[in-house]
C-alpha atoms as a PDB file:
ATOM      1  CA  MET A   1       0.235   0.143  -0.031  1.00  0.00           C
ATOM      2  CA  HIS A   2       1.201   3.625  -0.573  1.00  0.00           C
ATOM      3  CA  SER A   3       0.280   7.063   0.287  1.00  0.00           C
ATOM      4  CA  LEU A   4       0.876  10.376  -0.844  1.00  0.00           C
ATOM      5  CA  THR A   5       0.282  14.191   0.390  1.00  0.00           C
ATOM      6  CA  VAL A   6      -2.167  16.468  -1.141  1.00  0.00           C
ATOM      7  CA  ALA A   7      -2.055  20.172   0.630  1.00  0.00           C
ATOM      8  CA  GLY A   8      -0.893  18.812   3.694  1.00  0.00           C
ATOM      9  CA  GLN A   9      -3.501  15.695   3.852  1.00  0.00           C
ATOM     10  CA  ARG A  10      -2.039  12.165   3.510  1.00  0.00           C
ATOM     11  CA  ILE A  11      -4.062   9.713   1.300  1.00  0.00           C
ATOM     12  CA  ARG A  12      -3.673   6.105   1.118  1.00  0.00           C
ATOM     13  CA  TYR A  13      -4.099   4.363  -2.164  1.00  0.00           C
ATOM     14  CA  ASP A  14      -3.377   1.348  -4.102  1.00  0.00           C
ATOM     15  CA  ILE A  15      -3.259   0.692  -7.887  1.00  0.00           C
ATOM     16  CA  ARG A  16      -4.211  -2.669  -9.555  1.00  0.00           C
ATOM     17  CA  PRO A  17      -1.813  -2.102 -12.573  1.00  0.00           C
ATOM     18  CA  GLY A  18      -3.174  -2.734 -16.165  1.00  0.00           C
ATOM     19  CA  ASN A  19      -3.117  -2.070 -19.673  1.00  0.00           C
ATOM     20  CA  ARG A  20      -2.483   2.042 -19.825  1.00  0.00           C
ATOM     21  CA  ARG A  21      -4.118   1.895 -23.686  1.00  0.00           C
ATOM     22  CA  LYS A  22      -7.464   1.217 -21.542  1.00  0.00           C
ATOM     23  CA  THR A  23      -8.948   4.118 -19.490  1.00  0.00           C
ATOM     24  CA  PRO A  24      -7.935   3.166 -15.743  1.00  0.00           C
ATOM     25  CA  LEU A  25     -10.955   2.948 -13.283  1.00  0.00           C
ATOM     26  CA  LEU A  26     -11.089   4.930 -10.169  1.00  0.00           C
ATOM     27  CA  LEU A  27     -13.306   3.348  -7.334  1.00  0.00           C
ATOM     28  CA  CYS A  28     -14.989   5.593  -4.897  1.00  0.00           C
ATOM     29  CA  CYS A  29     -15.865   3.515  -1.776  1.00  0.00           C
ATOM     30  CA  GLY A  30     -18.965   4.146   0.451  1.00  0.00           C
ATOM     31  CA  ILE A  31     -19.285   5.822   3.872  1.00  0.00           C
ATOM     32  CA  GLY A  32     -16.905   4.628   6.449  1.00  0.00           C
ATOM     33  CA  ALA A  33     -15.580   1.937   4.376  1.00  0.00           C
ATOM     34  CA  ALA A  34     -11.737   1.331   3.714  1.00  0.00           C
ATOM     35  CA  PHE A  35     -10.870   0.348   0.253  1.00  0.00           C
ATOM     36  CA  GLU A  36     -10.290  -3.071   0.665  1.00  0.00           C
ATOM     37  CA  VAL A  37     -13.993  -3.774   0.764  1.00  0.00           C
ATOM     38  CA  LEU A  38     -13.973  -3.228  -2.987  1.00  0.00           C
ATOM     39  CA  GLN A  39     -11.769  -6.234  -3.335  1.00  0.00           C
ATOM     40  CA  THR A  40     -14.173  -8.688  -4.856  1.00  0.00           C
ATOM     41  CA  VAL A  41     -14.858  -5.789  -7.599  1.00  0.00           C
ATOM     42  CA  ILE A  42     -11.385  -5.973  -8.738  1.00  0.00           C
ATOM     43  CA  ASP A  43     -11.262  -9.825  -8.416  1.00  0.00           C
ATOM     44  CA  ALA A  44     -14.257  -9.715 -11.014  1.00  0.00           C
ATOM     45  CA  MET A  45     -12.802  -6.922 -13.209  1.00  0.00           C
ATOM     46  CA  ASP A  46     -11.060  -7.437 -16.776  1.00  0.00           C
ATOM     47  CA  PRO A  47      -7.314  -7.899 -15.335  1.00  0.00           C
ATOM     48  CA  ASP A  48      -6.337  -5.589 -18.223  1.00  0.00           C
ATOM     49  CA  ARG A  49      -8.007  -2.539 -16.830  1.00  0.00           C
ATOM     50  CA  GLU A  50      -5.855  -0.645 -14.507  1.00  0.00           C
ATOM     51  CA  VAL A  51      -7.735   0.025 -10.900  1.00  0.00           C
ATOM     52  CA  ILE A  52      -7.211   2.887  -8.411  1.00  0.00           C
ATOM     53  CA  ARG A  53      -8.168   2.945  -5.022  1.00  0.00           C
ATOM     54  CA  PHE A  54      -8.150   5.211  -1.993  1.00  0.00           C
ATOM     55  CA  ASP A  55      -9.179   5.980   1.582  1.00  0.00           C
ATOM     56  CA  VAL A  56     -10.815   9.597   1.652  1.00  0.00           C
ATOM     57  CA  PRO A  57      -9.584  11.418   4.675  1.00  0.00           C
ATOM     58  CA  GLY A  58     -10.803   9.810   8.339  1.00  0.00           C
ATOM     59  CA  VAL A  59     -11.261   6.483   6.570  1.00  0.00           C
ATOM     60  CA  GLY A  60      -9.005   3.375   6.562  1.00  0.00           C
ATOM     61  CA  GLY A  61      -5.212   4.476   6.125  1.00  0.00           C
ATOM     62  CA  SER A  62      -5.892   8.232   5.466  1.00  0.00           C
ATOM     63  CA  PRO A  63      -5.757  10.146   8.891  1.00  0.00           C
ATOM     64  CA  VAL A  64      -8.758  12.299   9.589  1.00  0.00           C
ATOM     65  CA  GLY A  65      -8.343  16.296   8.891  1.00  0.00           C
ATOM     66  CA  LEU A  66      -8.775  18.872  11.438  1.00  0.00           C
ATOM     67  CA  LEU A  67     -12.132  19.905   9.884  1.00  0.00           C
ATOM     68  CA  PRO A  68     -14.804  18.043   7.755  1.00  0.00           C
ATOM     69  CA  TYR A  69     -13.791  18.407   4.197  1.00  0.00           C
ATOM     70  CA  PRO A  70     -16.944  19.294   1.777  1.00  0.00           C
ATOM     71  CA  PHE A  71     -17.532  17.366  -1.412  1.00  0.00           C
ATOM     72  CA  PRO A  72     -16.085  19.947  -3.485  1.00  0.00           C
ATOM     73  CA  ILE A  73     -12.778  19.929  -1.423  1.00  0.00           C
ATOM     74  CA  LEU A  74     -12.920  16.168  -1.532  1.00  0.00           C
ATOM     75  CA  ALA A  75     -13.220  16.086  -5.128  1.00  0.00           C
ATOM     76  CA  TRP A  76     -10.094  18.532  -5.642  1.00  0.00           C
ATOM     77  CA  ILE A  77      -8.110  16.564  -3.375  1.00  0.00           C
ATOM     78  CA  VAL A  78      -8.952  13.418  -5.469  1.00  0.00           C
ATOM     79  CA  GLU A  79      -8.029  15.455  -8.700  1.00  0.00           C
ATOM     80  CA  ARG A  80      -4.860  16.371  -7.305  1.00  0.00           C
ATOM     81  CA  MET A  81      -4.020  12.796  -6.307  1.00  0.00           C
ATOM     82  CA  LEU A  82      -4.691  11.557  -9.918  1.00  0.00           C
ATOM     83  CA  ARG A  83      -2.331  14.625 -11.111  1.00  0.00           C
ATOM     84  CA  GLN A  84       0.551  13.222  -8.801  1.00  0.00           C
ATOM     85  CA  LEU A  85       0.026   9.905  -9.951  1.00  0.00           C
ATOM     86  CA  GLY A  86       0.338  10.704 -13.606  1.00  0.00           C
ATOM     87  CA  TYR A  87      -3.343  10.054 -14.683  1.00  0.00           C
ATOM     88  CA  ASP A  88      -4.737  12.641 -17.080  1.00  0.00           C
ATOM     89  CA  GLU A  89      -8.092  10.923 -17.542  1.00  0.00           C
ATOM     90  CA  VAL A  90     -10.101   7.940 -15.733  1.00  0.00           C
ATOM     91  CA  ASP A  91     -13.479   6.198 -15.732  1.00  0.00           C
ATOM     92  CA  VAL A  92     -15.037   6.842 -11.970  1.00  0.00           C
ATOM     93  CA  LEU A  93     -17.153   4.387 -10.288  1.00  0.00           C
ATOM     94  CA  GLY A  94     -18.961   5.559  -6.822  1.00  0.00           C
ATOM     95  CA  LEU A  95     -20.602   3.288  -4.505  1.00  0.00           C
ATOM     96  CA  SER A  96     -23.197   4.768  -2.031  1.00  0.00           C
ATOM     97  CA  TRP A  97     -21.731   7.739  -0.514  1.00  0.00           C
ATOM     98  CA  GLY A  98     -18.617   7.262  -3.025  1.00  0.00           C
ATOM     99  CA  GLY A  99     -21.498   7.868  -5.772  1.00  0.00           C
ATOM    100  CA  ALA A 100     -21.941  11.504  -4.279  1.00  0.00           C
ATOM    101  CA  LEU A 101     -18.315  12.086  -4.585  1.00  0.00           C
ATOM    102  CA  ALA A 102     -18.063  10.728  -8.222  1.00  0.00           C
ATOM    103  CA  GLN A 103     -20.870  12.959  -9.233  1.00  0.00           C
ATOM    104  CA  GLN A 104     -18.971  15.987  -7.814  1.00  0.00           C
ATOM    105  CA  LEU A 105     -15.775  15.018  -9.407  1.00  0.00           C
ATOM    106  CA  ALA A 106     -17.390  14.580 -12.623  1.00  0.00           C
ATOM    107  CA  VAL A 107     -18.954  18.107 -12.769  1.00  0.00           C
ATOM    108  CA  GLN A 108     -16.166  19.785 -10.942  1.00  0.00           C
ATOM    109  CA  HIS A 109     -13.237  18.323 -12.825  1.00  0.00           C
ATOM    110  CA  ARG A 110     -14.812  17.077 -16.111  1.00  0.00           C
ATOM    111  CA  ARG A 111     -11.722  17.130 -18.276  1.00  0.00           C
ATOM    112  CA  ARG A 112     -10.189  14.280 -15.710  1.00  0.00           C
ATOM    113  CA  VAL A 113     -13.490  11.993 -16.107  1.00  0.00           C
ATOM    114  CA  ARG A 114     -14.142  10.082 -19.359  1.00  0.00           C
ATOM    115  CA  ARG A 115     -17.148   7.836 -18.212  1.00  0.00           C
ATOM    116  CA  LEU A 116     -19.173   7.663 -14.834  1.00  0.00           C
ATOM    117  CA  VAL A 117     -20.702   4.705 -13.017  1.00  0.00           C
ATOM    118  CA  LEU A 118     -23.019   5.286 -10.341  1.00  0.00           C
ATOM    119  CA  VAL A 119     -24.059   2.596  -7.914  1.00  0.00           C
ATOM    120  CA  SER A 120     -26.453   2.601  -5.224  1.00  0.00           C
ATOM    121  CA  THR A 121     -26.548   6.196  -4.818  1.00  0.00           C
ATOM    122  CA  ALA A 122     -28.503   9.423  -4.952  1.00  0.00           C
ATOM    123  CA  THR A 123     -28.365  13.276  -4.859  1.00  0.00           C
ATOM    124  CA  GLY A 124     -27.473  13.894  -1.161  1.00  0.00           C
ATOM    125  CA  MET A 125     -29.699  15.648   1.202  1.00  0.00           C
ATOM    126  CA  LEU A 126     -32.562  16.036  -1.293  1.00  0.00           C
ATOM    127  CA  MET A 127     -33.237  12.651  -2.169  1.00  0.00           C
ATOM    128  CA  VAL A 128     -36.158   9.852  -1.610  1.00  0.00           C
ATOM    129  CA  PRO A 129     -34.880   8.720   1.695  1.00  0.00           C
ATOM    130  CA  GLY A 130     -34.720   5.175   2.973  1.00  0.00           C
ATOM    131  CA  ARG A 131     -36.560   3.129   5.719  1.00  0.00           C
ATOM    132  CA  PRO A 132     -36.080   5.076   9.079  1.00  0.00           C
ATOM    133  CA  ALA A 133     -34.963   2.265  11.083  1.00  0.00           C
ATOM    134  CA  THR A 134     -32.076   1.530   8.562  1.00  0.00           C
ATOM    135  CA  LEU A 135     -30.846   5.075   8.787  1.00  0.00           C
ATOM    136  CA  VAL A 136     -30.713   5.066  12.322  1.00  0.00           C
ATOM    137  CA  ARG A 137     -28.586   2.406  12.137  1.00  0.00           C
ATOM    138  CA  MET A 138     -26.319   4.155   9.643  1.00  0.00           C
ATOM    139  CA  VAL A 139     -25.535   7.003  12.227  1.00  0.00           C
ATOM    140  CA  THR A 140     -22.955   4.558  13.916  1.00  0.00           C
ATOM    141  CA  PRO A 141     -19.857   3.408  12.211  1.00  0.00           C
ATOM    142  CA  ARG A 142     -19.632   0.204  14.424  1.00  0.00           C
ATOM    143  CA  ARG A 143     -20.182  -2.324  11.659  1.00  0.00           C
ATOM    144  CA  PHE A 144     -17.139  -1.110  10.114  1.00  0.00           C
ATOM    145  CA  ARG A 145     -15.215  -1.707  13.315  1.00  0.00           C
ATOM    146  CA  ASP A 146     -16.950  -4.797  14.598  1.00  0.00           C
ATOM    147  CA  PRO A 147     -17.516  -7.528  11.785  1.00  0.00           C
ATOM    148  CA  GLU A 148     -19.589  -9.573  14.174  1.00  0.00           C
ATOM    149  CA  TYR A 149     -21.837  -6.800  14.336  1.00  0.00           C
ATOM    150  CA  ALA A 150     -21.800  -6.077  10.773  1.00  0.00           C
ATOM    151  CA  ALA A 151     -22.477  -9.732   9.828  1.00  0.00           C
ATOM    152  CA  GLY A 152     -25.435  -9.433  12.388  1.00  0.00           C
ATOM    153  CA  VAL A 153     -27.181  -6.286  10.878  1.00  0.00           C
ATOM    154  CA  ALA A 154     -26.364  -6.939   7.198  1.00  0.00           C
ATOM    155  CA  GLY A 155     -29.589  -8.361   5.888  1.00  0.00           C
ATOM    156  CA  PHE A 156     -31.441  -5.657   7.646  1.00  0.00           C
ATOM    157  CA  LEU A 157     -29.015  -2.599   6.685  1.00  0.00           C
ATOM    158  CA  TYR A 158     -28.106  -3.736   3.283  1.00  0.00           C
ATOM    159  CA  GLY A 159     -31.114  -5.794   1.946  1.00  0.00           C
ATOM    160  CA  GLY A 160     -30.674  -8.269  -0.998  1.00  0.00           C
ATOM    161  CA  SER A 161     -28.014 -10.865  -1.233  1.00  0.00           C
ATOM    162  CA  ALA A 162     -26.350  -9.586   2.009  1.00  0.00           C
ATOM    163  CA  ARG A 163     -29.053 -11.484   3.808  1.00  0.00           C
ATOM    164  CA  ARG A 164     -27.539 -14.707   2.913  1.00  0.00           C
ATOM    165  CA  HIS A 165     -24.236 -13.451   2.610  1.00  0.00           C
ATOM    166  CA  ALA A 166     -23.232 -12.800   6.541  1.00  0.00           C
ATOM    167  CA  THR A 167     -20.118 -14.689   6.689  1.00  0.00           C
ATOM    168  CA  ASP A 168     -18.731 -12.707   3.391  1.00  0.00           C
ATOM    169  CA  ILE A 169     -19.925  -9.361   4.868  1.00  0.00           C
ATOM    170  CA  ARG A 170     -17.938 -10.397   8.113  1.00  0.00           C
ATOM    171  CA  THR A 171     -14.747 -11.217   5.965  1.00  0.00           C
ATOM    172  CA  MET A 172     -15.307  -7.995   3.980  1.00  0.00           C
ATOM    173  CA  PHE A 173     -14.974  -6.002   7.061  1.00  0.00           C
ATOM    174  CA  LYS A 174     -12.274  -8.227   8.830  1.00  0.00           C
ATOM    175  CA  ASN A 175      -9.914  -7.612   5.686  1.00  0.00           C
ATOM    176  CA  GLN A 176      -9.910  -3.744   6.134  1.00  0.00           C
ATOM    177  CA  ALA A 177      -6.470  -2.922   6.942  1.00  0.00           C
ATOM    178  CA  TYR A 178      -7.506   0.224   8.868  1.00  0.00           C
ATOM    179  CA  ALA A 179     -10.951   0.714  10.473  1.00  0.00           C
ATOM    180  CA  GLY A 180     -11.129   4.503  10.447  1.00  0.00           C
ATOM    181  CA  SER A 181     -11.858   6.979  12.865  1.00  0.00           C
ATOM    182  CA  ARG A 182     -15.322   7.838  14.438  1.00  0.00           C
ATOM    183  CA  ARG A 183     -14.621  11.257  13.633  1.00  0.00           C
ATOM    184  CA  GLY A 184     -13.951  10.820  10.117  1.00  0.00           C
ATOM    185  CA  TYR A 185     -17.222   9.106   9.828  1.00  0.00           C
ATOM    186  CA  LEU A 186     -19.014  11.850  11.501  1.00  0.00           C
ATOM    187  CA  PHE A 187     -17.284  14.170   9.163  1.00  0.00           C
ATOM    188  CA  GLN A 188     -18.634  12.230   6.113  1.00  0.00           C
ATOM    189  CA  LEU A 189     -21.867  12.216   7.693  1.00  0.00           C
ATOM    190  CA  MET A 190     -21.730  15.966   7.775  1.00  0.00           C
ATOM    191  CA  ALA A 191     -20.448  15.975   4.136  1.00  0.00           C
ATOM    192  CA  GLY A 192     -23.332  14.434   2.797  1.00  0.00           C
ATOM    193  CA  ALA A 193     -25.840  16.182   5.042  1.00  0.00           C
ATOM    194  CA  ALA A 194     -24.825  19.508   3.472  1.00  0.00           C
ATOM    195  CA  TRP A 195     -24.759  18.452  -0.100  1.00  0.00           C
ATOM    196  CA  THR A 196     -26.887  17.730  -3.004  1.00  0.00           C
ATOM    197  CA  SER A 197     -26.248  17.191  -6.708  1.00  0.00           C
ATOM    198  CA  LEU A 198     -29.884  18.238  -7.949  1.00  0.00           C
ATOM    199  CA  PRO A 199     -28.759  21.652  -9.164  1.00  0.00           C
ATOM    200  CA  PHE A 200     -26.128  20.407 -11.167  1.00  0.00           C
ATOM    201  CA  LEU A 201     -26.980  17.065 -12.395  1.00  0.00           C
ATOM    202  CA  GLY A 202     -27.910  18.470 -15.986  1.00  0.00           C
ATOM    203  CA  LEU A 203     -24.177  19.649 -16.338  1.00  0.00           C
ATOM    204  CA  ILE A 204     -22.850  16.342 -15.886  1.00  0.00           C
ATOM    205  CA  GLN A 205     -21.792  15.564 -19.473  1.00  0.00           C
ATOM    206  CA  GLN A 206     -20.073  12.440 -19.126  1.00  0.00           C
ATOM    207  CA  PRO A 207     -21.904   9.179 -20.449  1.00  0.00           C
ATOM    208  CA  THR A 208     -23.121   7.582 -16.916  1.00  0.00           C
ATOM    209  CA  LEU A 209     -24.299   4.170 -15.861  1.00  0.00           C
ATOM    210  CA  VAL A 210     -26.803   4.073 -12.924  1.00  0.00           C
ATOM    211  CA  LEU A 211     -27.166   0.939 -11.309  1.00  0.00           C
ATOM    212  CA  SER A 212     -29.925   0.262  -8.429  1.00  0.00           C
ATOM    213  CA  GLY A 213     -31.240  -2.716  -6.755  1.00  0.00           C
ATOM    214  CA  ASP A 214     -34.905  -3.235  -5.814  1.00  0.00           C
ATOM    215  CA  ASP A 215     -34.335  -4.179  -2.350  1.00  0.00           C
ATOM    216  CA  ASP A 216     -31.964  -1.631  -0.880  1.00  0.00           C
ATOM    217  CA  PRO A 217     -33.434  -0.221   2.570  1.00  0.00           C
ATOM    218  CA  ILE A 218     -30.925   2.745   2.272  1.00  0.00           C
ATOM    219  CA  ILE A 219     -31.162   3.818  -0.974  1.00  0.00           C
ATOM    220  CA  PRO A 220     -34.822   3.521  -2.693  1.00  0.00           C
ATOM    221  CA  ILE A 221     -34.712   2.689  -6.409  1.00  0.00           C
ATOM    222  CA  ALA A 222     -36.721   6.185  -7.144  1.00  0.00           C
ATOM    223  CA  ASN A 223     -33.281   7.924  -6.871  1.00  0.00           C
ATOM    224  CA  ALA A 224     -31.787   5.850  -9.579  1.00  0.00           C
ATOM    225  CA  ARG A 225     -34.547   7.011 -11.740  1.00  0.00           C
ATOM    226  CA  ILE A 226     -33.996  10.575 -10.583  1.00  0.00           C
ATOM    227  CA  LEU A 227     -30.207  10.467 -11.680  1.00  0.00           C
ATOM    228  CA  ALA A 228     -30.912   8.733 -14.815  1.00  0.00           C
ATOM    229  CA  THR A 229     -33.587  11.305 -15.875  1.00  0.00           C
ATOM    230  CA  LEU A 230     -31.510  14.473 -14.843  1.00  0.00           C
ATOM    231  CA  ILE A 231     -28.139  13.392 -16.211  1.00  0.00           C
ATOM    232  CA  ARG A 232     -28.308  14.007 -19.851  1.00  0.00           C
ATOM    233  CA  HIS A 233     -26.519  10.880 -21.105  1.00  0.00           C
ATOM    234  CA  ALA A 234     -27.424   8.199 -18.586  1.00  0.00           C
ATOM    235  CA  GLU A 235     -28.335   4.542 -18.911  1.00  0.00           C
ATOM    236  CA  LEU A 236     -30.214   2.989 -15.889  1.00  0.00           C
ATOM    237  CA  HIS A 237     -29.708  -0.719 -15.034  1.00  0.00           C
ATOM    238  CA  LEU A 238     -31.930  -2.086 -12.374  1.00  0.00           C
ATOM    239  CA  TYR A 239     -31.194  -5.352 -10.479  1.00  0.00           C
ATOM    240  CA  HIS A 240     -32.927  -7.559  -8.317  1.00  0.00           C
ATOM    241  CA  GLY A 241     -30.741  -6.973  -5.049  1.00  0.00           C
ATOM    242  CA  GLY A 242     -29.789  -4.714  -2.416  1.00  0.00           C
ATOM    243  CA  HIS A 243     -27.605  -1.965  -1.255  1.00  0.00           C
ATOM    244  CA  VAL A 244     -24.306  -3.688  -1.830  1.00  0.00           C
ATOM    245  CA  GLU A 245     -25.016  -6.327  -4.462  1.00  0.00           C
ATOM    246  CA  LEU A 246     -21.982  -4.745  -6.277  1.00  0.00           C
ATOM    247  CA  VAL A 247     -19.740  -6.470  -3.752  1.00  0.00           C
ATOM    248  CA  THR A 248     -21.588  -9.354  -2.533  1.00  0.00           C
ATOM    249  CA  GLU A 249     -22.550 -10.415  -6.383  1.00  0.00           C
ATOM    250  CA  ALA A 250     -19.910  -8.781  -8.334  1.00  0.00           C
ATOM    251  CA  PRO A 251     -19.506 -11.569 -10.935  1.00  0.00           C
ATOM    252  CA  ASN A 252     -22.831 -10.514 -11.946  1.00  0.00           C
ATOM    253  CA  LEU A 253     -22.747  -7.018 -12.029  1.00  0.00           C
ATOM    254  CA  VAL A 254     -18.988  -6.092 -12.830  1.00  0.00           C
ATOM    255  CA  PRO A 255     -19.560  -7.282 -16.354  1.00  0.00           C
ATOM    256  CA  VAL A 256     -22.321  -4.979 -16.789  1.00  0.00           C
ATOM    257  CA  ILE A 257     -19.875  -2.340 -15.795  1.00  0.00           C
ATOM    258  CA  THR A 258     -17.089  -3.384 -17.791  1.00  0.00           C
ATOM    259  CA  GLU A 259     -19.285  -3.846 -21.125  1.00  0.00           C
ATOM    260  CA  TYR A 260     -20.350  -0.473 -20.621  1.00  0.00           C
ATOM    261  CA  LEU A 261     -16.561   0.963 -19.873  1.00  0.00           C
ATOM    262  CA  SER A 262     -15.509  -0.844 -22.777  1.00  0.00           C
ATOM    263  CA  ARG A 263     -17.739   1.139 -25.550  1.00  0.00           C
END
């Protein structure tokens, strides 16, 4: 694992090398999750595609900042990271909270982003809300620090195949090299609570693939329809499953993403 410093903020990152003639793929994780949780996605991805992962400040191996970073600052940090790593252009995949960061990055640094993939995500504070009981559980980062707890609440929290993949959820969180900080998780919550992409969705010019499951307690499927309607060049792919289907059923969903990125 490697790290670099952007404007005084250390960022942990990892690169799975690939064929540089293909556009590299940048992965943006969900709230509280270190980049190891997306390992199944990388394992199912075309080995020729270079993949970049990173931890946002306060998560995994990236130390928390003194103050919360709003999404425009986070997008600026990511763009500077890509510049320091020598990438002129990338495709960006954002899962859940990471989908908000991906939207911000696409509109704020449009020359850096070729295509966009948004999975189990929404428009921020102005969205169709999930189930209240589920959202209450989201307030605490305990599931990222306690794999046994994560396995116990996986079905209730994530829906879909997570109900029968409790062992995989436990392993996924155990494999994180670093669990992150409570303050970092709070800062991520604060960033999401003060942000919405609704005013600028029409400004996203990149071809965009929106994926959503029909059994997602956190992000109802209506949010994907909103994204696909308001983003000019968007395609909508609906599947039977829950919030983390991309991770628990990667062999089924990654080929859809790979085909889209290969066009």
